[in-house]
C-alpha atoms as a PDB file:
ATOM      1  CA  MET A   1     -16.009  -7.040 -13.016  1.00  0.00           C
ATOM      2  CA  ALA A   2     -19.320  -8.029 -14.738  1.00  0.00           C
ATOM      3  CA  ASN A   3     -19.862 -11.747 -16.021  1.00  0.00           C
ATOM      4  CA  HIS A   4     -22.773 -11.047 -17.759  1.00  0.00           C
ATOM      5  CA  LYS A   5     -22.391 -10.886 -22.227  1.00  0.00           C
ATOM      6  CA  SER A   6     -24.946  -7.302 -21.530  1.00  0.00           C
ATOM      7  CA  ALA A   7     -23.171  -6.358 -18.778  1.00  0.00           C
ATOM      8  CA  ILE A   8     -19.582  -6.162 -20.452  1.00  0.00           C
ATOM      9  CA  LYS A   9     -21.525  -4.231 -22.860  1.00  0.00           C
ATOM     10  CA  ARG A  10     -22.334  -2.040 -20.515  1.00  0.00           C
ATOM     11  CA  ALA A  11     -19.463  -1.542 -19.265  1.00  0.00           C
ATOM     12  CA  LYS A  12     -17.867  -1.077 -22.300  1.00  0.00           C
ATOM     13  CA  GLN A  13     -20.232   1.664 -23.886  1.00  0.00           C
ATOM     14  CA  ASN A  14     -20.246   3.649 -20.633  1.00  0.00           C
ATOM     15  CA  GLU A  15     -16.439   3.795 -20.773  1.00  0.00           C
ATOM     16  CA  VAL A  16     -16.682   5.165 -24.548  1.00  0.00           C
ATOM     17  CA  LYS A  17     -18.935   7.498 -22.367  1.00  0.00           C
ATOM     18  CA  ARG A  18     -16.744   8.449 -20.335  1.00  0.00           C
ATOM     19  CA  VAL A  19     -14.046   8.906 -21.769  1.00  0.00           C
ATOM     20  CA  ARG A  20     -15.624  11.041 -25.020  1.00  0.00           C
ATOM     21  CA  ASN A  21     -17.522  13.127 -21.868  1.00  0.00           C
ATOM     22  CA  LYS A  22     -14.301  13.689 -20.357  1.00  0.00           C
ATOM     23  CA  SER A  23     -13.408  15.429 -23.332  1.00  0.00           C
ATOM     24  CA  THR A  24     -16.135  17.295 -24.228  1.00  0.00           C
ATOM     25  CA  ARG A  25     -15.982  18.950 -20.379  1.00  0.00           C
ATOM     26  CA  SER A  26     -12.099  19.578 -20.008  1.00  0.00           C
ATOM     27  CA  ALA A  27     -12.795  21.377 -24.360  1.00  0.00           C
ATOM     28  CA  MET A  28     -15.104  23.564 -22.853  1.00  0.00           C
ATOM     29  CA  LYS A  29     -13.932  24.420 -20.327  1.00  0.00           C
ATOM     30  CA  THR A  30     -10.381  25.691 -21.517  1.00  0.00           C
ATOM     31  CA  ALA A  31     -12.244  27.872 -23.287  1.00  0.00           C
ATOM     32  CA  VAL A  32     -14.085  29.815 -20.420  1.00  0.00           C
ATOM     33  CA  LYS A  33     -10.862  30.083 -18.841  1.00  0.00           C
ATOM     34  CA  LYS A  34      -9.383  31.827 -21.392  1.00  0.00           C
ATOM     35  CA  VAL A  35     -12.099  33.778 -22.106  1.00  0.00           C
ATOM     36  CA  MET A  36     -11.680  34.723 -18.135  1.00  0.00           C
ATOM     37  CA  THR A  37      -7.685  35.170 -19.098  1.00  0.00           C
ATOM     38  CA  ALA A  38      -8.928  37.349 -22.463  1.00  0.00           C
ATOM     39  CA  LYS A  39     -11.411  39.934 -19.673  1.00  0.00           C
ATOM     40  CA  ASP A  40      -8.581  40.068 -16.951  1.00  0.00           C
ATOM     41  CA  GLU A  41      -5.432  41.033 -19.894  1.00  0.00           C
ATOM     42  CA  GLY A  42      -7.811  43.166 -21.727  1.00  0.00           C
ATOM     43  CA  ALA A  43      -7.561  41.850 -24.749  1.00  0.00           C
ATOM     44  CA  GLU A  44      -9.790  42.370 -28.730  1.00  0.00           C
ATOM     45  CA  ASN A  45     -10.711  39.191 -29.402  1.00  0.00           C
ATOM     46  CA  ILE A  46     -12.583  38.258 -26.662  1.00  0.00           C
ATOM     47  CA  VAL A  47     -15.386  38.280 -28.414  1.00  0.00           C
ATOM     48  CA  GLU A  48     -14.477  35.969 -30.255  1.00  0.00           C
ATOM     49  CA  LEU A  49     -13.629  33.588 -27.346  1.00  0.00           C
ATOM     50  CA  MET A  50     -16.993  34.403 -25.662  1.00  0.00           C
ATOM     51  CA  ARG A  51     -18.797  33.080 -28.799  1.00  0.00           C
ATOM     52  CA  HIS A  52     -16.633  29.714 -29.099  1.00  0.00           C
ATOM     53  CA  ALA A  53     -16.844  28.697 -25.112  1.00  0.00           C
ATOM     54  CA  GLN A  54     -20.778  29.534 -25.369  1.00  0.00           C
ATOM     55  CA  SER A  55     -20.532  27.038 -28.357  1.00  0.00           C
ATOM     56  CA  LEU A  56     -18.663  24.506 -26.604  1.00  0.00           C
ATOM     57  CA  ILE A  57     -20.931  25.135 -23.224  1.00  0.00           C
ATOM     58  CA  ALA A  58     -24.869  24.462 -25.624  1.00  0.00           C
ATOM     59  CA  LYS A  59     -23.580  21.710 -26.905  1.00  0.00           C
ATOM     60  CA  ALA A  60     -22.452  19.819 -23.818  1.00  0.00           C
ATOM     61  CA  GLY A  61     -25.495  20.518 -22.254  1.00  0.00           C
ATOM     62  CA  LYS A  62     -27.035  19.530 -26.474  1.00  0.00           C
ATOM     63  CA  LYS A  63     -25.119  15.868 -26.072  1.00  0.00           C
ATOM     64  CA  GLY A  64     -25.802  15.825 -22.126  1.00  0.00           C
ATOM     65  CA  VAL A  65     -22.900  15.836 -20.777  1.00  0.00           C
ATOM     66  CA  LEU A  66     -24.522  18.875 -18.593  1.00  0.00           C
ATOM     67  CA  HIS A  67     -28.522  19.893 -17.520  1.00  0.00           C
ATOM     68  CA  LYS A  68     -29.304  21.928 -20.681  1.00  0.00           C
ATOM     69  CA  ASN A  69     -30.529  24.375 -17.108  1.00  0.00           C
ATOM     70  CA  THR A  70     -27.270  24.506 -16.250  1.00  0.00           C
ATOM     71  CA  ALA A  71     -24.536  25.305 -19.977  1.00  0.00           C
ATOM     72  CA  SER A  72     -27.057  27.728 -19.618  1.00  0.00           C
ATOM     73  CA  ARG A  73     -27.053  29.085 -16.307  1.00  0.00           C
ATOM     74  CA  LYS A  74     -23.074  28.297 -17.252  1.00  0.00           C
ATOM     75  CA  ILE A  75     -23.417  30.919 -20.389  1.00  0.00           C
ATOM     76  CA  SER A  76     -25.539  33.589 -18.469  1.00  0.00           C
ATOM     77  CA  ARG A  77     -22.643  33.900 -16.052  1.00  0.00           C
ATOM     78  CA  LEU A  78     -20.302  33.765 -18.384  1.00  0.00           C
ATOM     79  CA  THR A  79     -21.344  36.542 -20.358  1.00  0.00           C
ATOM     80  CA  LYS A  80     -22.195  38.707 -17.409  1.00  0.00           C
ATOM     81  CA  TYR A  81     -18.029  38.260 -16.360  1.00  0.00           C
ATOM     82  CA  VAL A  82     -18.259  39.602 -20.499  1.00  0.00           C
ATOM     83  CA  SER A  83     -20.263  42.356 -19.830  1.00  0.00           C
ATOM     84  CA  ALA A  84     -19.309  43.376 -16.860  1.00  0.00           C
END
């Protein structure tokens, strides 16, 4: 456990960021799963779902939850999967 005042503050900040990152990542994964199931079922609203998933992935990359190249790669692979 942290003993210094600055270390205690840093631990609190890290916990807040961890929870926020977990939420962002979870929402992103859910959106990607929805796109994949829509593709498998042949749904009509796949374009909307794809746009939403791309947005969430890009935001995660911009916020630093994902590395920007990782975000770009995920978007690219998802787009390739949907268009195939």
